[in-house]
Amino acid sequence: MTDLPSLVHQALSRSTLFRGLSPRQAEVVARSTEPVFVPAGSPLAEQDRPGPHCALIISGEASVERNGYMVGRLGEGDFFCLSGAATLVAEDACLLLIAADDAFRGLVEAIPAFAGIVLAAGGEICAVHPRIGRETVV
């Protein structure tokens, strides 16, 4: 079985936002975040309820719904912040790497490349889906 630090580093290397980080920067991200397990069927985010954190999906998949309609899926290596624009539901058990507001701000300050990528996404923080190469606001 793979240990959590290895899973975190693998997920970072698969994520569009994180794959360009140096090993030292990836280590900063790993240390600045907390792993959270979400059971299948549970919400990861709720529409119209902005949350205080951003997350990287280490394992599992989630559906993205807006106004009751499924508009996409996120999975391993996908990153999202809670803007309140969509509901995310764990399709199967998900392991997330969570950065609360303070940790997220610290990452933006510590890793200028990360800040540039996230800020370039626009006014709303969004999820970048590597398999389809587009951003999905959640």
C-alpha atoms as a PDB file:
ATOM      1  CA  MET A   1       0.000   0.000   0.000  1.00  0.00           C
ATOM      2  CA  THR A   2       1.250   3.491  -0.876  1.00  0.00           C
ATOM      3  CA  ASP A   3       1.830   5.867   2.043  1.00  0.00           C
ATOM      4  CA  LEU A   4       0.150   9.288   2.247  1.00  0.00           C
ATOM      5  CA  PRO A   5       3.261  11.402   1.426  1.00  0.00           C
ATOM      6  CA  SER A   6       3.782   9.359  -1.749  1.00  0.00           C
ATOM      7  CA  LEU A   7       0.105   9.757  -2.717  1.00  0.00           C
ATOM      8  CA  VAL A   8       0.353  13.512  -2.156  1.00  0.00           C
ATOM      9  CA  HIS A   9       3.457  13.859  -4.326  1.00  0.00           C
ATOM     10  CA  GLN A  10       1.908  11.697  -7.067  1.00  0.00           C
ATOM     11  CA  ALA A  11      -1.271  13.804  -7.017  1.00  0.00           C
ATOM     12  CA  LEU A  12       0.725  17.033  -7.185  1.00  0.00           C
ATOM     13  CA  SER A  13       2.660  15.758 -10.196  1.00  0.00           C
ATOM     14  CA  ARG A  14      -0.623  14.923 -12.020  1.00  0.00           C
ATOM     15  CA  SER A  15      -2.322  18.238 -11.275  1.00  0.00           C
ATOM     16  CA  THR A  16      -2.196  20.874 -14.010  1.00  0.00           C
ATOM     17  CA  LEU A  17      -1.681  23.603 -11.427  1.00  0.00           C
ATOM     18  CA  PHE A  18       1.072  21.834  -9.521  1.00  0.00           C
ATOM     19  CA  ARG A  19       3.055  19.772 -12.026  1.00  0.00           C
ATOM     20  CA  GLY A  20       5.469  22.615 -12.828  1.00  0.00           C
ATOM     21  CA  LEU A  21       6.497  23.098  -9.213  1.00  0.00           C
ATOM     22  CA  SER A  22      10.007  22.223  -8.102  1.00  0.00           C
ATOM     23  CA  PRO A  23      10.394  19.391  -5.557  1.00  0.00           C
ATOM     24  CA  ARG A  24      10.973  22.007  -2.833  1.00  0.00           C
ATOM     25  CA  GLN A  25       7.815  23.890  -3.815  1.00  0.00           C
ATOM     26  CA  ALA A  26       5.812  20.647  -3.926  1.00  0.00           C
ATOM     27  CA  GLU A  27       7.047  19.901  -0.413  1.00  0.00           C
ATOM     28  CA  VAL A  28       5.806  23.337   0.738  1.00  0.00           C
ATOM     29  CA  VAL A  29       2.368  22.538  -0.715  1.00  0.00           C
ATOM     30  CA  ALA A  30       2.329  19.119   0.963  1.00  0.00           C
ATOM     31  CA  ARG A  31       3.272  20.609   4.358  1.00  0.00           C
ATOM     32  CA  SER A  32       0.747  23.457   4.068  1.00  0.00           C
ATOM     33  CA  THR A  33      -2.255  21.214   3.530  1.00  0.00           C
ATOM     34  CA  GLU A  34      -4.264  18.604   5.430  1.00  0.00           C
ATOM     35  CA  PRO A  35      -5.565  15.274   4.116  1.00  0.00           C
ATOM     36  CA  VAL A  36      -9.340  14.807   4.447  1.00  0.00           C
ATOM     37  CA  PHE A  37     -11.371  11.675   3.673  1.00  0.00           C
ATOM     38  CA  VAL A  38     -14.866  12.191   2.182  1.00  0.00           C
ATOM     39  CA  PRO A  39     -17.186   9.148   1.929  1.00  0.00           C
ATOM     40  CA  ALA A  40     -18.995   8.311  -1.313  1.00  0.00           C
ATOM     41  CA  GLY A  41     -22.218  10.286  -1.740  1.00  0.00           C
ATOM     42  CA  SER A  42     -21.077  13.137   0.492  1.00  0.00           C
ATOM     43  CA  PRO A  43     -20.811  16.732  -0.727  1.00  0.00           C
ATOM     44  CA  LEU A  44     -17.366  18.246  -1.235  1.00  0.00           C
ATOM     45  CA  ALA A  45     -18.879  21.663  -1.985  1.00  0.00           C
ATOM     46  CA  GLU A  46     -22.364  23.125  -2.147  1.00  0.00           C
ATOM     47  CA  GLN A  47     -23.714  25.614  -4.653  1.00  0.00           C
ATOM     48  CA  ASP A  48     -24.322  29.092  -3.212  1.00  0.00           C
ATOM     49  CA  ARG A  49     -22.169  28.246  -0.166  1.00  0.00           C
ATOM     50  CA  PRO A  50     -18.606  29.483  -0.675  1.00  0.00           C
ATOM     51  CA  GLY A  51     -16.148  27.663   1.514  1.00  0.00           C
ATOM     52  CA  PRO A  52     -12.968  28.582   3.313  1.00  0.00           C
ATOM     53  CA  HIS A  53     -10.621  26.322   1.415  1.00  0.00           C
ATOM     54  CA  CYS A  54      -9.199  24.884  -1.768  1.00  0.00           C
ATOM     55  CA  ALA A  55      -8.548  21.201  -2.372  1.00  0.00           C
ATOM     56  CA  LEU A  56      -6.642  18.766  -4.536  1.00  0.00           C
ATOM     57  CA  ILE A  57      -8.263  15.389  -5.185  1.00  0.00           C
ATOM     58  CA  ILE A  58      -5.675  12.736  -4.321  1.00  0.00           C
ATOM     59  CA  SER A  59      -7.967   9.807  -5.036  1.00  0.00           C
ATOM     60  CA  GLY A  60     -11.595   9.306  -6.038  1.00  0.00           C
ATOM     61  CA  GLU A  61     -13.998  11.145  -8.323  1.00  0.00           C
ATOM     62  CA  ALA A  62     -16.624  13.828  -7.841  1.00  0.00           C
ATOM     63  CA  SER A  63     -19.501  15.029  -9.997  1.00  0.00           C
ATOM     64  CA  VAL A  64     -19.914  18.773 -10.585  1.00  0.00           C
ATOM     65  CA  GLU A  65     -23.521  20.004 -10.587  1.00  0.00           C
ATOM     66  CA  ARG A  66     -25.017  23.415 -11.260  1.00  0.00           C
ATOM     67  CA  ASN A  67     -28.673  24.122 -10.602  1.00  0.00           C
ATOM     68  CA  GLY A  68     -29.306  20.382 -10.274  1.00  0.00           C
ATOM     69  CA  TYR A  69     -27.655  19.435 -13.598  1.00  0.00           C
ATOM     70  CA  MET A  70     -24.412  17.511 -13.862  1.00  0.00           C
ATOM     71  CA  VAL A  71     -21.915  19.628 -15.810  1.00  0.00           C
ATOM     72  CA  GLY A  72     -18.700  17.687 -15.301  1.00  0.00           C
ATOM     73  CA  ARG A  73     -16.493  15.436 -13.257  1.00  0.00           C
ATOM     74  CA  LEU A  74     -13.309  15.957 -11.302  1.00  0.00           C
ATOM     75  CA  GLY A  75     -10.883  13.219 -10.306  1.00  0.00           C
ATOM     76  CA  GLU A  76      -7.360  12.429  -9.197  1.00  0.00           C
ATOM     77  CA  GLY A  77      -5.046  15.390  -9.663  1.00  0.00           C
ATOM     78  CA  ASP A  78      -7.847  17.945 -10.079  1.00  0.00           C
ATOM     79  CA  PHE A  79      -7.784  21.118  -7.984  1.00  0.00           C
ATOM     80  CA  PHE A  80     -10.741  23.255  -6.912  1.00  0.00           C
ATOM     81  CA  CYS A  81     -11.586  26.158  -4.646  1.00  0.00           C
ATOM     82  CA  LEU A  82     -15.000  26.710  -3.166  1.00  0.00           C
ATOM     83  CA  SER A  83     -16.560  29.716  -4.871  1.00  0.00           C
ATOM     84  CA  GLY A  84     -20.141  28.529  -4.341  1.00  0.00           C
ATOM     85  CA  ALA A  85     -20.782  28.317  -8.099  1.00  0.00           C
ATOM     86  CA  ALA A  86     -21.430  24.550  -8.089  1.00  0.00           C
ATOM     87  CA  THR A  87     -22.093  21.489  -5.975  1.00  0.00           C
ATOM     88  CA  LEU A  88     -19.480  18.721  -5.920  1.00  0.00           C
ATOM     89  CA  VAL A  89     -20.507  15.263  -4.740  1.00  0.00           C
ATOM     90  CA  ALA A  90     -18.093  12.389  -4.081  1.00  0.00           C
ATOM     91  CA  GLU A  91     -18.989   9.641  -6.567  1.00  0.00           C
ATOM     92  CA  ASP A  92     -16.767   7.260  -4.621  1.00  0.00           C
ATOM     93  CA  ALA A  93     -14.654   7.737  -1.517  1.00  0.00           C
ATOM     94  CA  CYS A  94     -12.354  10.730  -2.029  1.00  0.00           C
ATOM     95  CA  LEU A  95      -9.100  11.640  -0.359  1.00  0.00           C
ATOM     96  CA  LEU A  96      -8.549  15.406  -0.561  1.00  0.00           C
ATOM     97  CA  LEU A  97      -5.610  17.591   0.262  1.00  0.00           C
ATOM     98  CA  ILE A  98      -7.154  20.732   1.806  1.00  0.00           C
ATOM     99  CA  ALA A  99      -5.630  24.202   2.077  1.00  0.00           C
ATOM    100  CA  ALA A 100      -7.701  26.427   4.355  1.00  0.00           C
ATOM    101  CA  ASP A 101      -7.728  30.186   3.671  1.00  0.00           C
ATOM    102  CA  ASP A 102      -4.635  30.988   5.737  1.00  0.00           C
ATOM    103  CA  ALA A 103      -2.660  28.073   4.284  1.00  0.00           C
ATOM    104  CA  PHE A 104      -3.780  28.986   0.766  1.00  0.00           C
ATOM    105  CA  ARG A 105      -2.683  32.600   1.237  1.00  0.00           C
ATOM    106  CA  GLY A 106       0.639  31.324   2.571  1.00  0.00           C
ATOM    107  CA  LEU A 107       1.097  29.164  -0.524  1.00  0.00           C
ATOM    108  CA  VAL A 108       0.359  32.104  -2.795  1.00  0.00           C
ATOM    109  CA  GLU A 109       2.974  34.171  -0.949  1.00  0.00           C
ATOM    110  CA  ALA A 110       5.585  31.381  -0.782  1.00  0.00           C
ATOM    111  CA  ILE A 111       5.306  30.140  -4.361  1.00  0.00           C
ATOM    112  CA  PRO A 112       5.036  32.975  -6.900  1.00  0.00           C
ATOM    113  CA  ALA A 113       4.577  30.495  -9.797  1.00  0.00           C
ATOM    114  CA  PHE A 114       1.547  29.011  -8.030  1.00  0.00           C
ATOM    115  CA  ALA A 115       0.114  32.469  -7.377  1.00  0.00           C
ATOM    116  CA  GLY A 116       0.486  33.416 -11.032  1.00  0.00           C
ATOM    117  CA  ILE A 117      -1.262  30.278 -12.257  1.00  0.00           C
ATOM    118  CA  VAL A 118      -4.156  30.613  -9.830  1.00  0.00           C
ATOM    119  CA  LEU A 119      -4.570  34.360 -10.348  1.00  0.00           C
ATOM    120  CA  ALA A 120      -4.427  33.931 -14.132  1.00  0.00           C
ATOM    121  CA  ALA A 121      -7.507  31.716 -13.815  1.00  0.00           C
ATOM    122  CA  GLY A 122      -9.532  34.897 -13.314  1.00  0.00           C
ATOM    123  CA  GLY A 123     -11.425  36.615 -10.570  1.00  0.00           C
ATOM    124  CA  GLU A 124     -12.961  33.383  -9.391  1.00  0.00           C
ATOM    125  CA  ILE A 125     -10.696  30.565  -8.369  1.00  0.00           C
ATOM    126  CA  CYS A 126     -11.504  27.574 -10.509  1.00  0.00           C
ATOM    127  CA  ALA A 127     -10.722  23.933 -10.971  1.00  0.00           C
ATOM    128  CA  VAL A 128      -8.458  22.966 -13.833  1.00  0.00           C
ATOM    129  CA  HIS A 129      -9.425  19.648 -15.347  1.00  0.00           C
ATOM    130  CA  PRO A 130      -6.246  18.158 -16.908  1.00  0.00           C
ATOM    131  CA  ARG A 131      -8.007  15.490 -18.961  1.00  0.00           C
ATOM    132  CA  ILE A 132     -10.120  17.982 -20.882  1.00  0.00           C
ATOM    133  CA  GLY A 133      -7.791  20.959 -20.605  1.00  0.00           C
ATOM    134  CA  ARG A 134     -10.316  23.521 -19.459  1.00  0.00           C
ATOM    135  CA  GLU A 135     -11.277  25.263 -16.275  1.00  0.00           C
ATOM    136  CA  THR A 136     -14.428  24.536 -14.323  1.00  0.00           C
ATOM    137  CA  VAL A 137     -15.597  27.071 -11.755  1.00  0.00           C
ATOM    138  CA  VAL A 138     -16.777  25.355  -8.600  1.00  0.00           C
END
